[in-house]
Amino acid sequence: MHRALSPGSQVQTSFVVEEGDTAAFGGVEVHPVCSTFAMAREAEWACRQFVLQMREEHEEGIGNGLTIEHQAPALLGEQVEVVATLTAVQGNEVRCTWQALAGTRLLATGTCSQRVLDRSKLQERFDRLRSGL
């Protein structure tokens, strides 16, 4: 893994809250706002940008932790900016904090961690699980 990035580095991604992102269970919408699931997906994507910059060709990242603390709802049609900040790289673990904003309104904060592993070893692990070993 390349160690070109240091704690304090930031990346920003964005998304627009769409119908498929709203809080719904069993196809029944609960609220017409961004669901925790959709926010988690977007937070992990923002934090993954660090892994994409640091991994080597034979490596891949895999999530191993994510927290979300909602502050305010993200409404249907709103553009959300997710800002991820690298907090640590310890061994093969990449850790960051993140926050989601709609303009200046804070929507959510949290943490995310991912491990960078050799692709072939990761695939072997998946194969063992599939074969029941």
C-alpha atoms as a PDB file:
ATOM      1  CA  MET A   1       0.000   0.000   0.000  1.00  0.00           C
ATOM      2  CA  HIS A   2       1.296   3.430  -0.929  1.00  0.00           C
ATOM      3  CA  ARG A   3       1.528   5.830   1.995  1.00  0.00           C
ATOM      4  CA  ALA A   4       1.352   9.022  -0.086  1.00  0.00           C
ATOM      5  CA  LEU A   5      -1.550  10.470   1.902  1.00  0.00           C
ATOM      6  CA  SER A   6      -1.268  11.714   5.447  1.00  0.00           C
ATOM      7  CA  PRO A   7      -3.795  12.339   8.221  1.00  0.00           C
ATOM      8  CA  GLY A   8      -5.784  15.481   7.514  1.00  0.00           C
ATOM      9  CA  SER A   9      -6.082  14.758   3.771  1.00  0.00           C
ATOM     10  CA  GLN A  10      -9.623  15.282   2.520  1.00  0.00           C
ATOM     11  CA  VAL A  11     -11.798  14.142  -0.363  1.00  0.00           C
ATOM     12  CA  GLN A  12     -15.277  15.240  -1.323  1.00  0.00           C
ATOM     13  CA  THR A  13     -18.008  13.386  -3.182  1.00  0.00           C
ATOM     14  CA  SER A  14     -21.627  14.320  -3.806  1.00  0.00           C
ATOM     15  CA  PHE A  15     -24.972  12.766  -4.615  1.00  0.00           C
ATOM     16  CA  VAL A  16     -28.571  13.832  -5.090  1.00  0.00           C
ATOM     17  CA  VAL A  17     -31.179  12.112  -2.911  1.00  0.00           C
ATOM     18  CA  GLU A  18     -33.363  10.135  -5.326  1.00  0.00           C
ATOM     19  CA  GLU A  19     -36.521   8.041  -4.891  1.00  0.00           C
ATOM     20  CA  GLY A  20     -34.465   4.860  -4.400  1.00  0.00           C
ATOM     21  CA  ASP A  21     -32.510   6.494  -1.574  1.00  0.00           C
ATOM     22  CA  THR A  22     -35.476   7.210   0.689  1.00  0.00           C
ATOM     23  CA  ALA A  23     -36.275   5.352   3.886  1.00  0.00           C
ATOM     24  CA  ALA A  24     -38.369   2.354   2.847  1.00  0.00           C
ATOM     25  CA  PHE A  25     -38.896  -1.204   4.002  1.00  0.00           C
ATOM     26  CA  GLY A  26     -40.528  -3.929   1.954  1.00  0.00           C
ATOM     27  CA  GLY A  27     -41.191  -1.411  -0.804  1.00  0.00           C
ATOM     28  CA  VAL A  28     -43.171   0.863   1.510  1.00  0.00           C
ATOM     29  CA  GLU A  29     -41.725   4.336   2.007  1.00  0.00           C
ATOM     30  CA  VAL A  30     -41.471   5.420   5.633  1.00  0.00           C
ATOM     31  CA  HIS A  31     -40.153   8.944   5.033  1.00  0.00           C
ATOM     32  CA  PRO A  32     -39.363  10.870   1.838  1.00  0.00           C
ATOM     33  CA  VAL A  33     -35.821  11.608   3.091  1.00  0.00           C
ATOM     34  CA  CYS A  34     -32.414   9.969   2.643  1.00  0.00           C
ATOM     35  CA  SER A  35     -32.289   6.621   4.418  1.00  0.00           C
ATOM     36  CA  THR A  36     -29.547   5.539   6.780  1.00  0.00           C
ATOM     37  CA  PHE A  37     -28.660   2.814   4.271  1.00  0.00           C
ATOM     38  CA  ALA A  38     -28.171   5.289   1.413  1.00  0.00           C
ATOM     39  CA  MET A  39     -26.163   7.640   3.644  1.00  0.00           C
ATOM     40  CA  ALA A  40     -23.951   4.701   4.676  1.00  0.00           C
ATOM     41  CA  ARG A  41     -23.335   3.784   1.028  1.00  0.00           C
ATOM     42  CA  GLU A  42     -22.325   7.330   0.155  1.00  0.00           C
ATOM     43  CA  ALA A  43     -20.153   7.754   3.268  1.00  0.00           C
ATOM     44  CA  GLU A  44     -18.276   4.538   2.530  1.00  0.00           C
ATOM     45  CA  TRP A  45     -17.829   5.608  -1.098  1.00  0.00           C
ATOM     46  CA  ALA A  46     -16.295   8.932  -0.003  1.00  0.00           C
ATOM     47  CA  CYS A  47     -13.925   7.200   2.402  1.00  0.00           C
ATOM     48  CA  ARG A  48     -13.040   4.566  -0.204  1.00  0.00           C
ATOM     49  CA  GLN A  49     -11.429   7.321  -2.261  1.00  0.00           C
ATOM     50  CA  PHE A  50      -8.429   7.124   0.097  1.00  0.00           C
ATOM     51  CA  VAL A  51      -8.098   3.374  -0.510  1.00  0.00           C
ATOM     52  CA  LEU A  52      -8.304   3.913  -4.266  1.00  0.00           C
ATOM     53  CA  GLN A  53      -5.400   6.364  -4.046  1.00  0.00           C
ATOM     54  CA  MET A  54      -3.250   4.218  -1.746  1.00  0.00           C
ATOM     55  CA  ARG A  55      -3.792   0.614  -2.839  1.00  0.00           C
ATOM     56  CA  GLU A  56      -1.374  -1.095  -5.163  1.00  0.00           C
ATOM     57  CA  GLU A  57      -2.447  -2.982  -8.294  1.00  0.00           C
ATOM     58  CA  HIS A  58      -2.570  -6.356  -6.495  1.00  0.00           C
ATOM     59  CA  GLU A  59      -4.553  -4.986  -3.531  1.00  0.00           C
ATOM     60  CA  GLU A  60      -8.185  -4.211  -2.740  1.00  0.00           C
ATOM     61  CA  GLY A  61      -9.995  -2.528   0.121  1.00  0.00           C
ATOM     62  CA  ILE A  62     -12.753  -4.059   2.193  1.00  0.00           C
ATOM     63  CA  GLY A  63     -14.901  -2.219   4.706  1.00  0.00           C
ATOM     64  CA  ASN A  64     -14.604  -3.200   8.350  1.00  0.00           C
ATOM     65  CA  GLY A  65     -16.433  -0.435  10.194  1.00  0.00           C
ATOM     66  CA  LEU A  66     -18.882   2.413   9.701  1.00  0.00           C
ATOM     67  CA  THR A  67     -20.742   4.716  12.079  1.00  0.00           C
ATOM     68  CA  ILE A  68     -23.466   7.267  11.358  1.00  0.00           C
ATOM     69  CA  GLU A  69     -24.879   9.970  13.588  1.00  0.00           C
ATOM     70  CA  HIS A  70     -27.806  11.738  11.947  1.00  0.00           C
ATOM     71  CA  GLN A  71     -28.101  15.486  12.601  1.00  0.00           C
ATOM     72  CA  ALA A  72     -30.812  16.517  10.113  1.00  0.00           C
ATOM     73  CA  PRO A  73     -32.731  14.912   7.243  1.00  0.00           C
ATOM     74  CA  ALA A  74     -31.627  15.100   3.628  1.00  0.00           C
ATOM     75  CA  LEU A  75     -34.723  15.793   1.554  1.00  0.00           C
ATOM     76  CA  LEU A  76     -35.681  14.160  -1.714  1.00  0.00           C
ATOM     77  CA  GLY A  77     -33.955  16.034  -4.543  1.00  0.00           C
ATOM     78  CA  GLU A  78     -31.326  17.663  -2.314  1.00  0.00           C
ATOM     79  CA  GLN A  79     -27.679  17.593  -3.285  1.00  0.00           C
ATOM     80  CA  VAL A  80     -25.512  16.194  -0.500  1.00  0.00           C
ATOM     81  CA  GLU A  81     -21.773  16.775  -0.198  1.00  0.00           C
ATOM     82  CA  VAL A  82     -19.809  14.148   1.715  1.00  0.00           C
ATOM     83  CA  VAL A  83     -16.425  15.289   3.030  1.00  0.00           C
ATOM     84  CA  ALA A  84     -14.103  12.520   4.228  1.00  0.00           C
ATOM     85  CA  THR A  85     -10.990  13.236   6.275  1.00  0.00           C
ATOM     86  CA  LEU A  86      -8.196  10.692   6.636  1.00  0.00           C
ATOM     87  CA  THR A  87      -7.459  10.242  10.342  1.00  0.00           C
ATOM     88  CA  ALA A  88      -5.001   7.329  10.407  1.00  0.00           C
ATOM     89  CA  VAL A  89      -3.290   4.601   8.454  1.00  0.00           C
ATOM     90  CA  GLN A  90      -2.272   1.829  10.834  1.00  0.00           C
ATOM     91  CA  GLY A  91      -0.789  -1.245   9.211  1.00  0.00           C
ATOM     92  CA  ASN A  92      -3.238  -2.113   6.448  1.00  0.00           C
ATOM     93  CA  GLU A  93      -6.163  -0.220   8.014  1.00  0.00           C
ATOM     94  CA  VAL A  94      -7.326   3.107   6.600  1.00  0.00           C
ATOM     95  CA  ARG A  95      -9.469   5.174   8.979  1.00  0.00           C
ATOM     96  CA  CYS A  96     -11.391   8.357   8.345  1.00  0.00           C
ATOM     97  CA  THR A  97     -14.122  10.581   9.635  1.00  0.00           C
ATOM     98  CA  TRP A  98     -16.819  12.005   7.390  1.00  0.00           C
ATOM     99  CA  GLN A  99     -19.597  14.538   7.361  1.00  0.00           C
ATOM    100  CA  ALA A 100     -22.521  15.054   5.016  1.00  0.00           C
ATOM    101  CA  LEU A 101     -23.889  18.511   4.258  1.00  0.00           C
ATOM    102  CA  ALA A 102     -26.698  20.057   2.227  1.00  0.00           C
ATOM    103  CA  GLY A 103     -25.306  23.524   1.668  1.00  0.00           C
ATOM    104  CA  THR A 104     -24.249  24.628   5.142  1.00  0.00           C
ATOM    105  CA  ARG A 105     -26.716  22.324   6.945  1.00  0.00           C
ATOM    106  CA  LEU A 106     -24.978  19.418   8.682  1.00  0.00           C
ATOM    107  CA  LEU A 107     -26.853  16.193   7.918  1.00  0.00           C
ATOM    108  CA  ALA A 108     -24.694  13.466   9.420  1.00  0.00           C
ATOM    109  CA  THR A 109     -21.250  12.645  10.772  1.00  0.00           C
ATOM    110  CA  GLY A 110     -19.417   9.399  11.335  1.00  0.00           C
ATOM    111  CA  THR A 111     -16.367   7.229  10.958  1.00  0.00           C
ATOM    112  CA  CYS A 112     -15.312   4.619   8.444  1.00  0.00           C
ATOM    113  CA  SER A 113     -12.491   2.095   8.348  1.00  0.00           C
ATOM    114  CA  GLN A 114     -11.303  -0.208   5.608  1.00  0.00           C
ATOM    115  CA  ARG A 115      -8.541  -2.765   5.353  1.00  0.00           C
ATOM    116  CA  VAL A 116      -6.319  -3.069   2.297  1.00  0.00           C
ATOM    117  CA  LEU A 117      -5.596  -6.709   1.465  1.00  0.00           C
ATOM    118  CA  ASP A 118      -3.941  -8.707  -1.280  1.00  0.00           C
ATOM    119  CA  ARG A 119      -6.624  -9.448  -3.896  1.00  0.00           C
ATOM    120  CA  SER A 120      -5.650 -13.102  -4.288  1.00  0.00           C
ATOM    121  CA  LYS A 121      -5.742 -13.756  -0.524  1.00  0.00           C
ATOM    122  CA  LEU A 122      -9.083 -11.998  -0.273  1.00  0.00           C
ATOM    123  CA  GLN A 123     -10.465 -14.123  -3.137  1.00  0.00           C
ATOM    124  CA  GLU A 124      -9.129 -17.295  -1.473  1.00  0.00           C
ATOM    125  CA  ARG A 125     -10.960 -16.329   1.700  1.00  0.00           C
ATOM    126  CA  PHE A 126     -14.223 -15.787  -0.198  1.00  0.00           C
ATOM    127  CA  ASP A 127     -13.770 -19.120  -2.003  1.00  0.00           C
ATOM    128  CA  ARG A 128     -13.217 -20.968   1.315  1.00  0.00           C
ATOM    129  CA  LEU A 129     -16.396 -19.410   2.706  1.00  0.00           C
ATOM    130  CA  ARG A 130     -18.368 -20.462  -0.390  1.00  0.00           C
ATOM    131  CA  SER A 131     -17.125 -24.041  -0.084  1.00  0.00           C
ATOM    132  CA  GLY A 132     -18.112 -24.177   3.579  1.00  0.00           C
ATOM    133  CA  LEU A 133     -14.609 -24.435   5.017  1.00  0.00           C
END
